[in-house]
């Protein structure tokens, strides 16, 4: 009789009736504990500078620098990067 009582007790356990609470309390982080930022916060400083003159390298000068770097480096990863950059520019110009 005791054995049957234990079996009945196992079948009617309260553990299956406990519902997990939804995460509706506290800060919504999703950023490893830091407060979540909006898109505006990330983009607030883009394009803002206190410099009076901004120099932008022309594509032709950049291409010359890439060729020079390609000839002077022995690092294979750097050569691969330079090659892909040169290829992108040449494809963009229709010269590849």
PDB file of N, CA and C in Angstrom:
ATOM      1  N   UNK A   1       0.810  -1.191   0.000  1.00  0.00           N
ATOM      2  CA  UNK A   1       0.000   0.000   0.000  1.00  0.00           C
ATOM      3  C   UNK A   1       0.862   1.269   0.000  1.00  0.00           C
ATOM      4  N   UNK A   2       1.971   1.231   0.676  1.00  0.00           N
ATOM      5  CA  UNK A   2       2.853   2.384   0.693  1.00  0.00           C
ATOM      6  C   UNK A   2       3.470   2.575  -0.688  1.00  0.00           C
ATOM      7  N   UNK A   3       3.793   1.470  -1.317  1.00  0.00           N
ATOM      8  CA  UNK A   3       4.397   1.554  -2.647  1.00  0.00           C
ATOM      9  C   UNK A   3       3.458   2.244  -3.640  1.00  0.00           C
ATOM     10  N   UNK A   4       2.192   1.893  -3.631  1.00  0.00           N
ATOM     11  CA  UNK A   4       1.213   2.504  -4.509  1.00  0.00           C
ATOM     12  C   UNK A   4       1.037   3.984  -4.214  1.00  0.00           C
ATOM     13  N   UNK A   5       1.172   4.353  -2.970  1.00  0.00           N
ATOM     14  CA  UNK A   5       1.044   5.753  -2.589  1.00  0.00           C
ATOM     15  C   UNK A   5       2.189   6.580  -3.188  1.00  0.00           C
ATOM     16  N   UNK A   6       3.398   6.025  -3.177  1.00  0.00           N
ATOM     17  CA  UNK A   6       4.548   6.736  -3.748  1.00  0.00           C
ATOM     18  C   UNK A   6       4.402   6.880  -5.257  1.00  0.00           C
ATOM     19  N   UNK A   7       3.917   5.855  -5.918  1.00  0.00           N
ATOM     20  CA  UNK A   7       3.734   5.940  -7.359  1.00  0.00           C
ATOM     21  C   UNK A   7       2.702   6.999  -7.708  1.00  0.00           C
ATOM     22  N   UNK A   8       1.622   7.049  -6.955  1.00  0.00           N
ATOM     23  CA  UNK A   8       0.585   8.033  -7.208  1.00  0.00           C
ATOM     24  C   UNK A   8       1.134   9.447  -6.953  1.00  0.00           C
ATOM     25  N   UNK A   9       1.970   9.567  -5.942  1.00  0.00           N
ATOM     26  CA  UNK A   9       2.548  10.848  -5.620  1.00  0.00           C
ATOM     27  C   UNK A   9       3.484  11.313  -6.753  1.00  0.00           C
ATOM     28  N   UNK A  10       4.233  10.420  -7.366  1.00  0.00           N
ATOM     29  CA  UNK A  10       5.122  10.753  -8.468  1.00  0.00           C
ATOM     30  C   UNK A  10       4.325  11.196  -9.698  1.00  0.00           C
ATOM     31  N   UNK A  11       3.182  10.588  -9.933  1.00  0.00           N
ATOM     32  CA  UNK A  11       2.381  10.942 -11.095  1.00  0.00           C
ATOM     33  C   UNK A  11       1.730  12.315 -10.936  1.00  0.00           C
ATOM     34  N   UNK A  12       1.465  12.730  -9.728  1.00  0.00           N
ATOM     35  CA  UNK A  12       0.801  14.007  -9.506  1.00  0.00           C
ATOM     36  C   UNK A  12       1.780  15.034  -8.936  1.00  0.00           C
ATOM     37  N   UNK A  13       2.988  15.050  -9.423  1.00  0.00           N
ATOM     38  CA  UNK A  13       4.006  15.981  -8.939  1.00  0.00           C
ATOM     39  C   UNK A  13       3.656  17.411  -9.336  1.00  0.00           C
ATOM     40  N   UNK A  14       3.971  18.350  -8.493  1.00  0.00           N
ATOM     41  CA  UNK A  14       3.713  19.762  -8.779  1.00  0.00           C
ATOM     42  C   UNK A  14       4.788  20.374  -9.675  1.00  0.00           C
ATOM     43  N   UNK A  15       5.882  19.680  -9.922  1.00  0.00           N
ATOM     44  CA  UNK A  15       6.954  20.231 -10.736  1.00  0.00           C
ATOM     45  C   UNK A  15       6.510  20.502 -12.164  1.00  0.00           C
ATOM     46  N   UNK A  16       5.642  19.680 -12.691  1.00  0.00           N
ATOM     47  CA  UNK A  16       5.192  19.890 -14.064  1.00  0.00           C
ATOM     48  C   UNK A  16       4.199  21.040 -14.161  1.00  0.00           C
ATOM     49  N   UNK A  17       3.676  21.503 -13.038  1.00  0.00           N
ATOM     50  CA  UNK A  17       2.690  22.573 -13.041  1.00  0.00           C
ATOM     51  C   UNK A  17       3.334  23.958 -12.884  1.00  0.00           C
ATOM     52  N   UNK A  18       4.618  24.006 -12.574  1.00  0.00           N
ATOM     53  CA  UNK A  18       5.290  25.279 -12.402  1.00  0.00           C
ATOM     54  C   UNK A  18       5.552  25.882 -13.777  1.00  0.00           C
ATOM     55  N   UNK A  19       5.033  27.081 -13.988  1.00  0.00           N
ATOM     56  CA  UNK A  19       5.217  27.750 -15.275  1.00  0.00           C
ATOM     57  C   UNK A  19       6.392  28.713 -15.175  1.00  0.00           C
ATOM     58  N   UNK A  20       7.249  28.733 -16.186  1.00  0.00           N
ATOM     59  CA  UNK A  20       8.361  29.686 -16.150  1.00  0.00           C
ATOM     60  C   UNK A  20       7.850  31.113 -16.339  1.00  0.00           C
ATOM     61  N   UNK A  21       8.481  32.044 -15.644  1.00  0.00           N
ATOM     62  CA  UNK A  21       8.086  33.446 -15.757  1.00  0.00           C
ATOM     63  C   UNK A  21       8.656  34.040 -17.037  1.00  0.00           C
ATOM     64  N   UNK A  22       7.892  34.908 -17.654  1.00  0.00           N
ATOM     65  CA  UNK A  22       8.389  35.601 -18.831  1.00  0.00           C
ATOM     66  C   UNK A  22       9.374  36.671 -18.396  1.00  0.00           C
ATOM     67  N   UNK A  23      10.271  37.021 -19.293  1.00  0.00           N
ATOM     68  CA  UNK A  23      11.260  38.045 -18.972  1.00  0.00           C
ATOM     69  C   UNK A  23      10.671  39.423 -19.237  1.00  0.00           C
ATOM     70  N   UNK A  24       9.824  39.860 -18.358  1.00  0.00           N
ATOM     71  CA  UNK A  24       9.202  41.168 -18.532  1.00  0.00           C
ATOM     72  C   UNK A  24       9.708  42.166 -17.510  1.00  0.00           C
ATOM     73  N   UNK A  25      10.586  41.734 -16.634  1.00  0.00           N
ATOM     74  CA  UNK A  25      11.083  42.614 -15.586  1.00  0.00           C
ATOM     75  C   UNK A  25      12.544  42.939 -15.847  1.00  0.00           C
ATOM     76  N   UNK A  26      12.969  44.120 -15.421  1.00  0.00           N
ATOM     77  CA  UNK A  26      14.369  44.497 -15.555  1.00  0.00           C
ATOM     78  C   UNK A  26      14.674  45.094 -16.915  1.00  0.00           C
ATOM     79  N   UNK A  27      15.940  45.419 -17.103  1.00  0.00           N
ATOM     80  CA  UNK A  27      16.378  46.023 -18.360  1.00  0.00           C
ATOM     81  C   UNK A  27      16.407  45.003 -19.479  1.00  0.00           C
ATOM     82  N   UNK A  28      16.027  45.420 -20.658  1.00  0.00           N
ATOM     83  CA  UNK A  28      16.183  44.591 -21.847  1.00  0.00           C
ATOM     84  C   UNK A  28      17.589  44.857 -22.350  1.00  0.00           C
ATOM     85  N   UNK A  29      18.475  43.888 -22.214  1.00  0.00           N
ATOM     86  CA  UNK A  29      19.863  44.153 -22.585  1.00  0.00           C
ATOM     87  C   UNK A  29      20.186  43.513 -23.917  1.00  0.00           C
ATOM     88  N   UNK A  30      20.419  42.221 -23.933  1.00  0.00           N
ATOM     89  CA  UNK A  30      20.813  41.573 -25.175  1.00  0.00           C
ATOM     90  C   UNK A  30      22.181  42.017 -25.627  1.00  0.00           C
ATOM     91  N   UNK A  31      22.902  42.727 -24.763  1.00  0.00           N
ATOM     92  CA  UNK A  31      24.204  43.263 -25.115  1.00  0.00           C
ATOM     93  C   UNK A  31      25.197  42.962 -24.000  1.00  0.00           C
ATOM     94  N   UNK A  32      25.147  41.737 -23.487  1.00  0.00           N
ATOM     95  CA  UNK A  32      26.041  41.262 -22.430  1.00  0.00           C
ATOM     96  C   UNK A  32      26.009  42.180 -21.217  1.00  0.00           C
ATOM     97  N   UNK A  33      24.816  42.580 -20.802  1.00  0.00           N
ATOM     98  CA  UNK A  33      24.667  43.372 -19.597  1.00  0.00           C
ATOM     99  C   UNK A  33      24.679  44.867 -19.820  1.00  0.00           C
ATOM    100  N   UNK A  34      25.192  45.331 -20.936  1.00  0.00           N
ATOM    101  CA  UNK A  34      25.185  46.771 -21.218  1.00  0.00           C
ATOM    102  C   UNK A  34      23.798  47.169 -21.707  1.00  0.00           C
ATOM    103  N   UNK A  35      23.364  48.390 -21.455  1.00  0.00           N
ATOM    104  CA  UNK A  35      22.042  48.789 -21.956  1.00  0.00           C
ATOM    105  C   UNK A  35      21.993  48.761 -23.479  1.00  0.00           C
ATOM    106  N   UNK A  36      20.855  48.396 -24.001  1.00  0.00           N
ATOM    107  CA  UNK A  36      20.701  48.313 -25.450  1.00  0.00           C
ATOM    108  C   UNK A  36      20.693  49.705 -26.051  1.00  0.00           C
ATOM    109  N   UNK A  37      21.372  49.869 -27.158  1.00  0.00           N
ATOM    110  CA  UNK A  37      21.452  51.163 -27.830  1.00  0.00           C
ATOM    111  C   UNK A  37      20.569  51.148 -29.068  1.00  0.00           C
ATOM    112  N   UNK A  38      20.078  52.302 -29.418  1.00  0.00           N
ATOM    113  CA  UNK A  38      19.262  52.411 -30.633  1.00  0.00           C
ATOM    114  C   UNK A  38      20.175  52.688 -31.815  1.00  0.00           C
ATOM    115  N   UNK A  39      19.637  52.618 -32.999  1.00  0.00           N
ATOM    116  CA  UNK A  39      20.421  52.898 -34.207  1.00  0.00           C
ATOM    117  C   UNK A  39      20.949  54.324 -34.191  1.00  0.00           C
ATOM    118  N   UNK A  40      20.142  55.236 -33.666  1.00  0.00           N
ATOM    119  CA  UNK A  40      20.548  56.639 -33.640  1.00  0.00           C
ATOM    120  C   UNK A  40      21.815  56.830 -32.814  1.00  0.00           C
ATOM    121  N   UNK A  41      21.934  56.069 -31.721  1.00  0.00           N
ATOM    122  CA  UNK A  41      23.110  56.206 -30.855  1.00  0.00           C
ATOM    123  C   UNK A  41      24.371  55.752 -31.579  1.00  0.00           C
ATOM    124  N   UNK A  42      24.266  54.722 -32.402  1.00  0.00           N
ATOM    125  CA  UNK A  42      25.429  54.245 -33.142  1.00  0.00           C
ATOM    126  C   UNK A  42      25.810  55.217 -34.261  1.00  0.00           C
ATOM    127  N   UNK A  43      24.834  55.792 -34.906  1.00  0.00           N
ATOM    128  CA  UNK A  43      25.081  56.628 -36.078  1.00  0.00           C
ATOM    129  C   UNK A  43      25.232  58.109 -35.748  1.00  0.00           C
ATOM    130  N   UNK A  44      25.215  58.467 -34.490  1.00  0.00           N
ATOM    131  CA  UNK A  44      25.214  59.881 -34.107  1.00  0.00           C
ATOM    132  C   UNK A  44      26.480  60.594 -34.566  1.00  0.00           C
ATOM    133  N   UNK A  45      27.641  59.935 -34.482  1.00  0.00           N
ATOM    134  CA  UNK A  45      28.889  60.614 -34.798  1.00  0.00           C
ATOM    135  C   UNK A  45      29.391  60.403 -36.212  1.00  0.00           C
ATOM    136  N   UNK A  46      28.653  59.703 -37.045  1.00  0.00           N
ATOM    137  CA  UNK A  46      29.124  59.429 -38.401  1.00  0.00           C
ATOM    138  C   UNK A  46      29.050  60.695 -39.244  1.00  0.00           C
ATOM    139  N   UNK A  47      30.161  61.028 -39.867  1.00  0.00           N
ATOM    140  CA  UNK A  47      30.200  62.179 -40.744  1.00  0.00           C
ATOM    141  C   UNK A  47      30.425  63.496 -40.034  1.00  0.00           C
ATOM    142  N   UNK A  48      30.567  63.473 -38.713  1.00  0.00           N
ATOM    143  CA  UNK A  48      30.777  64.701 -37.964  1.00  0.00           C
ATOM    144  C   UNK A  48      32.263  64.820 -37.653  1.00  0.00           C
ATOM    145  N   UNK A  49      32.856  65.943 -37.993  1.00  0.00           N
ATOM    146  CA  UNK A  49      34.276  66.164 -37.725  1.00  0.00           C
ATOM    147  C   UNK A  49      34.496  67.632 -37.394  1.00  0.00           C
ATOM    148  N   UNK A  50      35.517  67.880 -36.598  1.00  0.00           N
ATOM    149  CA  UNK A  50      35.846  69.266 -36.251  1.00  0.00           C
ATOM    150  C   UNK A  50      36.976  69.797 -37.130  1.00  0.00           C
ATOM    151  N   UNK A  51      37.474  68.963 -38.026  1.00  0.00           N
ATOM    152  CA  UNK A  51      38.565  69.351 -38.908  1.00  0.00           C
ATOM    153  C   UNK A  51      38.017  70.260 -40.007  1.00  0.00           C
ATOM    154  N   UNK A  52      38.777  71.312 -40.326  1.00  0.00           N
ATOM    155  CA  UNK A  52      38.329  72.270 -41.352  1.00  0.00           C
ATOM    156  C   UNK A  52      38.491  71.709 -42.765  1.00  0.00           C
ATOM    157  N   UNK A  53      39.585  70.952 -42.990  1.00  0.00           N
ATOM    158  CA  UNK A  53      39.849  70.389 -44.319  1.00  0.00           C
ATOM    159  C   UNK A  53      39.933  68.872 -44.187  1.00  0.00           C
ATOM    160  N   UNK A  54      39.149  68.177 -44.973  1.00  0.00           N
ATOM    161  CA  UNK A  54      39.164  66.710 -44.966  1.00  0.00           C
ATOM    162  C   UNK A  54      39.767  66.245 -46.284  1.00  0.00           C
ATOM    163  N   UNK A  55      40.857  65.499 -46.203  1.00  0.00           N
ATOM    164  CA  UNK A  55      41.510  64.993 -47.412  1.00  0.00           C
ATOM    165  C   UNK A  55      41.006  63.584 -47.701  1.00  0.00           C
ATOM    166  N   UNK A  56      40.489  63.403 -48.869  1.00  0.00           N
ATOM    167  CA  UNK A  56      40.025  62.086 -49.301  1.00  0.00           C
ATOM    168  C   UNK A  56      40.951  61.622 -50.415  1.00  0.00           C
ATOM    169  N   UNK A  57      41.528  60.445 -50.222  1.00  0.00           N
ATOM    170  CA  UNK A  57      42.459  59.905 -51.211  1.00  0.00           C
ATOM    171  C   UNK A  57      41.710  59.547 -52.483  1.00  0.00           C
ATOM    172  N   UNK A  58      42.237  59.972 -53.605  1.00  0.00           N
ATOM    173  CA  UNK A  58      41.630  59.642 -54.895  1.00  0.00           C
ATOM    174  C   UNK A  58      41.921  58.174 -55.198  1.00  0.00           C
ATOM    175  N   UNK A  59      41.034  57.585 -55.973  1.00  0.00           N
ATOM    176  CA  UNK A  59      41.157  56.172 -56.284  1.00  0.00           C
ATOM    177  C   UNK A  59      42.456  55.869 -57.034  1.00  0.00           C
ATOM    178  N   UNK A  60      42.873  56.759 -57.876  1.00  0.00           N
ATOM    179  CA  UNK A  60      44.109  56.553 -58.641  1.00  0.00           C
ATOM    180  C   UNK A  60      45.322  56.516 -57.709  1.00  0.00           C
ATOM    181  N   UNK A  61      45.355  57.423 -56.722  1.00  0.00           N
ATOM    182  CA  UNK A  61      46.454  57.425 -55.754  1.00  0.00           C
ATOM    183  C   UNK A  61      46.432  56.158 -54.897  1.00  0.00           C
ATOM    184  N   UNK A  62      45.228  55.738 -54.505  1.00  0.00           N
ATOM    185  CA  UNK A  62      45.080  54.513 -53.717  1.00  0.00           C
ATOM    186  C   UNK A  62      45.577  53.307 -54.515  1.00  0.00           C
ATOM    187  N   UNK A  63      45.257  53.271 -55.790  1.00  0.00           N
ATOM    188  CA  UNK A  63      45.690  52.173 -56.647  1.00  0.00           C
ATOM    189  C   UNK A  63      47.214  52.149 -56.780  1.00  0.00           C
ATOM    190  N   UNK A  64      47.838  53.318 -56.912  1.00  0.00           N
ATOM    191  CA  UNK A  64      49.307  53.393 -56.973  1.00  0.00           C
ATOM    192  C   UNK A  64      49.938  52.877 -55.688  1.00  0.00           C
ATOM    193  N   UNK A  65      49.346  53.246 -54.551  1.00  0.00           N
ATOM    194  CA  UNK A  65      49.854  52.765 -53.260  1.00  0.00           C
ATOM    195  C   UNK A  65      49.709  51.253 -53.142  1.00  0.00           C
ATOM    196  N   UNK A  66      48.592  50.725 -53.653  1.00  0.00           N
ATOM    197  CA  UNK A  66      48.377  49.275 -53.599  1.00  0.00           C
ATOM    198  C   UNK A  66      49.424  48.538 -54.433  1.00  0.00           C
ATOM    199  N   UNK A  67      49.689  49.030 -55.642  1.00  0.00           N
ATOM    200  CA  UNK A  67      50.702  48.399 -56.486  1.00  0.00           C
ATOM    201  C   UNK A  67      52.068  48.433 -55.808  1.00  0.00           C
ATOM    202  N   UNK A  68      52.418  49.574 -55.210  1.00  0.00           N
ATOM    203  CA  UNK A  68      53.703  49.709 -54.532  1.00  0.00           C
ATOM    204  C   UNK A  68      53.797  48.748 -53.350  1.00  0.00           C
ATOM    205  N   UNK A  69      52.730  48.663 -52.570  1.00  0.00           N
ATOM    206  CA  UNK A  69      52.724  47.768 -51.410  1.00  0.00           C
ATOM    207  C   UNK A  69      52.801  46.310 -51.843  1.00  0.00           C
ATOM    208  N   UNK A  70      52.113  45.982 -52.945  1.00  0.00           N
ATOM    209  CA  UNK A  70      52.126  44.599 -53.439  1.00  0.00           C
ATOM    210  C   UNK A  70      53.542  44.172 -53.837  1.00  0.00           C
ATOM    211  N   UNK A  71      54.280  45.087 -54.464  1.00  0.00           N
ATOM    212  CA  UNK A  71      55.638  44.767 -54.906  1.00  0.00           C
ATOM    213  C   UNK A  71      56.620  44.679 -53.740  1.00  0.00           C
ATOM    214  N   UNK A  72      56.357  45.407 -52.661  1.00  0.00           N
ATOM    215  CA  UNK A  72      57.329  45.496 -51.572  1.00  0.00           C
ATOM    216  C   UNK A  72      57.062  44.598 -50.376  1.00  0.00           C
ATOM    217  N   UNK A  73      55.938  43.897 -50.349  1.00  0.00           N
ATOM    218  CA  UNK A  73      55.647  43.055 -49.188  1.00  0.00           C
ATOM    219  C   UNK A  73      55.951  41.591 -49.473  1.00  0.00           C
ATOM    220  N   UNK A  74      56.268  40.872 -48.394  1.00  0.00           N
ATOM    221  CA  UNK A  74      56.489  39.428 -48.486  1.00  0.00           C
ATOM    222  C   UNK A  74      55.387  38.656 -47.755  1.00  0.00           C
ATOM    223  N   UNK A  75      54.509  39.387 -47.064  1.00  0.00           N
ATOM    224  CA  UNK A  75      53.413  38.774 -46.304  1.00  0.00           C
ATOM    225  C   UNK A  75      52.314  38.304 -47.266  1.00  0.00           C
ATOM    226  N   UNK A  76      52.028  37.012 -47.229  1.00  0.00           N
ATOM    227  CA  UNK A  76      51.063  36.429 -48.177  1.00  0.00           C
ATOM    228  C   UNK A  76      49.638  36.921 -47.921  1.00  0.00           C
ATOM    229  N   UNK A  77      49.266  37.077 -46.652  1.00  0.00           N
ATOM    230  CA  UNK A  77      47.918  37.565 -46.353  1.00  0.00           C
ATOM    231  C   UNK A  77      47.734  38.991 -46.864  1.00  0.00           C
ATOM    232  N   UNK A  78      48.742  39.814 -46.674  1.00  0.00           N
ATOM    233  CA  UNK A  78      48.677  41.189 -47.156  1.00  0.00           C
ATOM    234  C   UNK A  78      48.623  41.220 -48.674  1.00  0.00           C
ATOM    235  N   UNK A  79      49.409  40.362 -49.319  1.00  0.00           N
ATOM    236  CA  UNK A  79      49.374  40.300 -50.789  1.00  0.00           C
ATOM    237  C   UNK A  79      47.984  39.904 -51.287  1.00  0.00           C
ATOM    238  N   UNK A  80      47.358  38.952 -50.604  1.00  0.00           N
ATOM    239  CA  UNK A  80      46.018  38.510 -50.998  1.00  0.00           C
ATOM    240  C   UNK A  80      45.017  39.649 -50.858  1.00  0.00           C
ATOM    241  N   UNK A  81      45.108  40.404 -49.759  1.00  0.00           N
ATOM    242  CA  UNK A  81      44.218  41.537 -49.546  1.00  0.00           C
ATOM    243  C   UNK A  81      44.423  42.592 -50.634  1.00  0.00           C
ATOM    244  N   UNK A  82      45.681  42.921 -50.905  1.00  0.00           N
ATOM    245  CA  UNK A  82      45.985  43.936 -51.916  1.00  0.00           C
ATOM    246  C   UNK A  82      45.476  43.497 -53.281  1.00  0.00           C
ATOM    247  N   UNK A  83      45.670  42.224 -53.592  1.00  0.00           N
ATOM    248  CA  UNK A  83      45.209  41.684 -54.877  1.00  0.00           C
ATOM    249  C   UNK A  83      43.700  41.834 -55.016  1.00  0.00           C
ATOM    250  N   UNK A  84      42.956  41.495 -53.949  1.00  0.00           N
ATOM    251  CA  UNK A  84      41.493  41.610 -54.032  1.00  0.00           C
ATOM    252  C   UNK A  84      41.058  43.074 -54.135  1.00  0.00           C
ATOM    253  N   UNK A  85      41.771  43.980 -53.468  1.00  0.00           N
ATOM    254  CA  UNK A  85      41.438  45.404 -53.571  1.00  0.00           C
ATOM    255  C   UNK A  85      41.685  45.918 -54.985  1.00  0.00           C
ATOM    256  N   UNK A  86      42.823  45.542 -55.565  1.00  0.00           N
ATOM    257  CA  UNK A  86      43.125  45.953 -56.941  1.00  0.00           C
ATOM    258  C   UNK A  86      42.082  45.388 -57.895  1.00  0.00           C
ATOM    259  N   UNK A  87      41.719  44.139 -57.679  1.00  0.00           N
ATOM    260  CA  UNK A  87      40.726  43.493 -58.535  1.00  0.00           C
ATOM    261  C   UNK A  87      39.384  44.213 -58.451  1.00  0.00           C
ATOM    262  N   UNK A  88      38.959  44.602 -57.232  1.00  0.00           N
ATOM    263  CA  UNK A  88      37.688  45.317 -57.069  1.00  0.00           C
ATOM    264  C   UNK A  88      37.688  46.626 -57.860  1.00  0.00           C
ATOM    265  N   UNK A  89      38.784  47.356 -57.749  1.00  0.00           N
ATOM    266  CA  UNK A  89      38.881  48.643 -58.446  1.00  0.00           C
ATOM    267  C   UNK A  89      38.854  48.447 -59.957  1.00  0.00           C
ATOM    268  N   UNK A  90      39.598  47.451 -60.420  1.00  0.00           N
ATOM    269  CA  UNK A  90      39.665  47.202 -61.869  1.00  0.00           C
ATOM    270  C   UNK A  90      38.313  46.736 -62.416  1.00  0.00           C
ATOM    271  N   UNK A  91      37.603  45.912 -61.657  1.00  0.00           N
ATOM    272  CA  UNK A  91      36.269  45.462 -62.086  1.00  0.00           C
ATOM    273  C   UNK A  91      35.320  46.660 -62.114  1.00  0.00           C
ATOM    274  N   UNK A  92      35.422  47.517 -61.092  1.00  0.00           N
ATOM    275  CA  UNK A  92      34.575  48.698 -61.017  1.00  0.00           C
ATOM    276  C   UNK A  92      34.808  49.607 -62.238  1.00  0.00           C
ATOM    277  N   UNK A  93      36.043  49.677 -62.696  1.00  0.00           N
ATOM    278  CA  UNK A  93      36.382  50.517 -63.849  1.00  0.00           C
ATOM    279  C   UNK A  93      36.104  49.812 -65.173  1.00  0.00           C
ATOM    280  N   UNK A  94      35.859  48.502 -65.122  1.00  0.00           N
ATOM    281  CA  UNK A  94      35.635  47.742 -66.336  1.00  0.00           C
ATOM    282  C   UNK A  94      36.926  47.359 -67.035  1.00  0.00           C
ATOM    283  N   UNK A  95      38.008  47.296 -66.292  1.00  0.00           N
ATOM    284  CA  UNK A  95      39.331  46.980 -66.872  1.00  0.00           C
ATOM    285  C   UNK A  95      39.808  45.587 -66.490  1.00  0.00           C
ATOM    286  N   UNK A  96      39.020  44.806 -65.779  1.00  0.00           N
ATOM    287  CA  UNK A  96      39.448  43.473 -65.357  1.00  0.00           C
ATOM    288  C   UNK A  96      39.041  42.451 -66.379  1.00  0.00           C
TER     289      UNK A  96
END
